[in-house]
Amino acid sequence: MAKNAGAATGFRVRRIYDDVDAGDGLRVLVDRLWPRGVSKERAAVDDWCKVLTPSAELRTWYHAHPDRYADFARRYRAELAGPEQVPATQRLREQARAGNVTLLTAVKDPEHSHVPVLLAHLTDAS
């Protein structure tokens, strides 16, 4: 995934292991678990939005079926339509309209993770 994926919309994606960038704006961790080996100080996370991450059940299912990404994406989009997720989505969209929002993740392969689904969800109708 490109470093500035979604930059035109106010969102971009970076790995949490990357150095903080002056253009990051609001730094939002979008992983359910805290990244291994990263201190809170070094991470410089402004918000940890666990509610917009895949449920533990869905994460476990996807790790057992990595070849079924389309099914994972469909299930994850359904979770993102939930009553807790909708206000969190709206809040991040509003923040992106006000300035840059960098979605941070620790996943090794962001292109084949929940991140592209979340980014598409945030930028649809925003």
C-alpha atoms as a PDB file:
ATOM      1  CA  MET A   1       0.000   0.000   0.000  1.00  0.00           C
ATOM      2  CA  ALA A   2       1.369   3.361  -0.943  1.00  0.00           C
ATOM      3  CA  LYS A   3       2.606   5.529   1.876  1.00  0.00           C
ATOM      4  CA  ASN A   4       0.087   8.235   1.045  1.00  0.00           C
ATOM      5  CA  ALA A   5      -2.806   6.015   0.008  1.00  0.00           C
ATOM      6  CA  GLY A   6      -5.965   8.071   0.257  1.00  0.00           C
ATOM      7  CA  ALA A   7      -4.006  11.279   0.801  1.00  0.00           C
ATOM      8  CA  ALA A   8      -6.381  13.271  -1.416  1.00  0.00           C
ATOM      9  CA  THR A   9      -9.194  12.449   0.995  1.00  0.00           C
ATOM     10  CA  GLY A  10      -7.308  13.429   4.148  1.00  0.00           C
ATOM     11  CA  PHE A  11      -6.382   9.836   4.999  1.00  0.00           C
ATOM     12  CA  ARG A  12      -3.098   8.083   4.581  1.00  0.00           C
ATOM     13  CA  VAL A  13      -1.727   4.756   5.760  1.00  0.00           C
ATOM     14  CA  ARG A  14       1.618   4.098   7.382  1.00  0.00           C
ATOM     15  CA  ARG A  15       3.213   1.338   9.399  1.00  0.00           C
ATOM     16  CA  ILE A  16       3.573   2.201  13.053  1.00  0.00           C
ATOM     17  CA  TYR A  17       7.232   1.166  12.873  1.00  0.00           C
ATOM     18  CA  ASP A  18       7.954   4.084  10.516  1.00  0.00           C
ATOM     19  CA  ASP A  19       9.276   7.315  11.995  1.00  0.00           C
ATOM     20  CA  VAL A  20       6.730  10.026  12.771  1.00  0.00           C
ATOM     21  CA  ASP A  21       6.322  12.378   9.816  1.00  0.00           C
ATOM     22  CA  ALA A  22       5.468  16.062  10.098  1.00  0.00           C
ATOM     23  CA  GLY A  23       2.590  15.550   7.633  1.00  0.00           C
ATOM     24  CA  ASP A  24       0.949  12.749   9.617  1.00  0.00           C
ATOM     25  CA  GLY A  25      -1.593  14.974  11.280  1.00  0.00           C
ATOM     26  CA  LEU A  26      -3.792  12.951  13.614  1.00  0.00           C
ATOM     27  CA  ARG A  27      -2.181   9.518  14.136  1.00  0.00           C
ATOM     28  CA  VAL A  28      -4.775   6.769  14.651  1.00  0.00           C
ATOM     29  CA  LEU A  29      -3.852   3.163  15.418  1.00  0.00           C
ATOM     30  CA  VAL A  30      -6.265   0.852  13.591  1.00  0.00           C
ATOM     31  CA  ASP A  31      -5.087  -2.507  14.965  1.00  0.00           C
ATOM     32  CA  ARG A  32      -6.895  -4.361  17.726  1.00  0.00           C
ATOM     33  CA  LEU A  33      -3.655  -5.323  19.504  1.00  0.00           C
ATOM     34  CA  TRP A  34      -0.874  -2.956  20.529  1.00  0.00           C
ATOM     35  CA  PRO A  35       2.111  -3.431  18.191  1.00  0.00           C
ATOM     36  CA  ARG A  36       4.895  -5.556  19.539  1.00  0.00           C
ATOM     37  CA  GLY A  37       8.082  -3.722  20.446  1.00  0.00           C
ATOM     38  CA  VAL A  38       6.725  -0.173  20.091  1.00  0.00           C
ATOM     39  CA  SER A  39       6.575   2.094  23.113  1.00  0.00           C
ATOM     40  CA  LYS A  40       3.664   4.469  23.472  1.00  0.00           C
ATOM     41  CA  GLU A  41       6.081   7.406  23.345  1.00  0.00           C
ATOM     42  CA  ARG A  42       7.711   6.275  20.091  1.00  0.00           C
ATOM     43  CA  ALA A  43       4.348   5.466  18.504  1.00  0.00           C
ATOM     44  CA  ALA A  44       3.026   8.996  19.099  1.00  0.00           C
ATOM     45  CA  VAL A  45      -0.534   7.715  18.680  1.00  0.00           C
ATOM     46  CA  ASP A  46      -3.288  10.294  19.145  1.00  0.00           C
ATOM     47  CA  ASP A  47      -6.137   7.779  19.087  1.00  0.00           C
ATOM     48  CA  TRP A  48      -6.474   4.010  19.205  1.00  0.00           C
ATOM     49  CA  CYS A  49      -9.640   3.166  17.335  1.00  0.00           C
ATOM     50  CA  LYS A  50     -10.186  -0.490  18.273  1.00  0.00           C
ATOM     51  CA  VAL A  51     -13.879  -0.316  17.415  1.00  0.00           C
ATOM     52  CA  LEU A  52     -13.015   0.038  13.701  1.00  0.00           C
ATOM     53  CA  THR A  53     -10.831  -3.063  13.648  1.00  0.00           C
ATOM     54  CA  PRO A  54     -12.059  -6.532  12.696  1.00  0.00           C
ATOM     55  CA  SER A  55     -13.522  -8.492  15.580  1.00  0.00           C
ATOM     56  CA  ALA A  56     -11.331 -11.109  17.230  1.00  0.00           C
ATOM     57  CA  GLU A  57     -13.491 -13.807  15.662  1.00  0.00           C
ATOM     58  CA  LEU A  58     -13.104 -12.365  12.168  1.00  0.00           C
ATOM     59  CA  ARG A  59      -9.347 -11.885  12.589  1.00  0.00           C
ATOM     60  CA  THR A  60      -8.978 -15.499  13.715  1.00  0.00           C
ATOM     61  CA  TRP A  61     -11.094 -16.715  10.801  1.00  0.00           C
ATOM     62  CA  TYR A  62      -9.039 -14.722   8.275  1.00  0.00           C
ATOM     63  CA  HIS A  63      -5.729 -15.985   9.653  1.00  0.00           C
ATOM     64  CA  ALA A  64      -7.018 -19.530   9.105  1.00  0.00           C
ATOM     65  CA  HIS A  65      -8.284 -18.665   5.574  1.00  0.00           C
ATOM     66  CA  PRO A  66      -5.892 -16.062   4.066  1.00  0.00           C
ATOM     67  CA  ASP A  67      -6.895 -17.219   0.574  1.00  0.00           C
ATOM     68  CA  ARG A  68     -10.454 -15.959   1.176  1.00  0.00           C
ATOM     69  CA  TYR A  69      -9.747 -12.229   1.271  1.00  0.00           C
ATOM     70  CA  ALA A  70     -12.949 -11.314  -0.586  1.00  0.00           C
ATOM     71  CA  ASP A  71     -15.018 -13.128   2.058  1.00  0.00           C
ATOM     72  CA  PHE A  72     -13.019 -11.445   4.805  1.00  0.00           C
ATOM     73  CA  ALA A  73     -13.578  -8.015   3.228  1.00  0.00           C
ATOM     74  CA  ARG A  74     -17.315  -8.624   2.901  1.00  0.00           C
ATOM     75  CA  ARG A  75     -17.608  -9.730   6.536  1.00  0.00           C
ATOM     76  CA  TYR A  76     -15.497  -6.831   7.741  1.00  0.00           C
ATOM     77  CA  ARG A  77     -17.603  -4.296   5.818  1.00  0.00           C
ATOM     78  CA  ALA A  78     -20.666  -5.766   7.553  1.00  0.00           C
ATOM     79  CA  GLU A  79     -18.982  -5.224  10.930  1.00  0.00           C
ATOM     80  CA  LEU A  80     -18.156  -1.627   9.974  1.00  0.00           C
ATOM     81  CA  ALA A  81     -21.892  -0.975   9.551  1.00  0.00           C
ATOM     82  CA  GLY A  82     -22.497  -1.815  13.223  1.00  0.00           C
ATOM     83  CA  PRO A  83     -23.939   0.616  15.793  1.00  0.00           C
ATOM     84  CA  GLU A  84     -20.571   1.242  17.503  1.00  0.00           C
ATOM     85  CA  GLN A  85     -18.661   1.580  14.252  1.00  0.00           C
ATOM     86  CA  VAL A  86     -20.863   4.148  12.507  1.00  0.00           C
ATOM     87  CA  PRO A  87     -20.166   7.029  14.951  1.00  0.00           C
ATOM     88  CA  ALA A  88     -16.429   6.190  14.976  1.00  0.00           C
ATOM     89  CA  THR A  89     -16.433   6.267  11.163  1.00  0.00           C
ATOM     90  CA  GLN A  90     -18.200   9.631  11.143  1.00  0.00           C
ATOM     91  CA  ARG A  91     -15.744  11.055  13.668  1.00  0.00           C
ATOM     92  CA  LEU A  92     -12.705   9.999  11.599  1.00  0.00           C
ATOM     93  CA  ARG A  93     -14.273  11.398   8.432  1.00  0.00           C
ATOM     94  CA  GLU A  94     -14.844  14.738  10.161  1.00  0.00           C
ATOM     95  CA  GLN A  95     -11.271  14.756  11.422  1.00  0.00           C
ATOM     96  CA  ALA A  96      -9.990  14.025   7.898  1.00  0.00           C
ATOM     97  CA  ARG A  97     -11.971  16.971   6.540  1.00  0.00           C
ATOM     98  CA  ALA A  98     -10.183  19.179   9.087  1.00  0.00           C
ATOM     99  CA  GLY A  99      -6.684  17.841   8.322  1.00  0.00           C
ATOM    100  CA  ASN A 100      -4.557  14.804   7.667  1.00  0.00           C
ATOM    101  CA  VAL A 101      -5.420  11.558   9.424  1.00  0.00           C
ATOM    102  CA  THR A 102      -2.800   8.833   9.311  1.00  0.00           C
ATOM    103  CA  LEU A 103      -4.075   5.301   9.874  1.00  0.00           C
ATOM    104  CA  LEU A 104      -1.327   3.338  11.603  1.00  0.00           C
ATOM    105  CA  THR A 105      -0.928  -0.413  11.455  1.00  0.00           C
ATOM    106  CA  ALA A 106       1.649  -2.992  12.456  1.00  0.00           C
ATOM    107  CA  VAL A 107       0.648  -5.583   9.850  1.00  0.00           C
ATOM    108  CA  LYS A 108       3.499  -6.762   7.649  1.00  0.00           C
ATOM    109  CA  ASP A 109       1.432  -6.719   4.466  1.00  0.00           C
ATOM    110  CA  PRO A 110      -1.028  -3.815   4.712  1.00  0.00           C
ATOM    111  CA  GLU A 111      -2.332  -4.430   1.170  1.00  0.00           C
ATOM    112  CA  HIS A 112      -3.736  -7.816   2.220  1.00  0.00           C
ATOM    113  CA  SER A 113      -5.116  -6.818   5.582  1.00  0.00           C
ATOM    114  CA  HIS A 114      -8.120  -5.001   6.985  1.00  0.00           C
ATOM    115  CA  VAL A 115      -6.548  -1.633   6.184  1.00  0.00           C
ATOM    116  CA  PRO A 116      -7.613  -1.296   2.494  1.00  0.00           C
ATOM    117  CA  VAL A 117     -11.176  -2.252   3.450  1.00  0.00           C
ATOM    118  CA  LEU A 118     -11.202   0.312   6.246  1.00  0.00           C
ATOM    119  CA  LEU A 119      -9.686   3.006   4.037  1.00  0.00           C
ATOM    120  CA  ALA A 120     -12.284   2.363   1.319  1.00  0.00           C
ATOM    121  CA  HIS A 121     -15.029   2.465   3.940  1.00  0.00           C
ATOM    122  CA  LEU A 122     -13.776   5.766   5.328  1.00  0.00           C
ATOM    123  CA  THR A 123     -13.444   7.383   1.925  1.00  0.00           C
ATOM    124  CA  ASP A 124     -16.792   6.155   0.532  1.00  0.00           C
ATOM    125  CA  ALA A 125     -19.385   8.929   0.826  1.00  0.00           C
ATOM    126  CA  SER A 126     -17.104  10.967   3.060  1.00  0.00           C
END
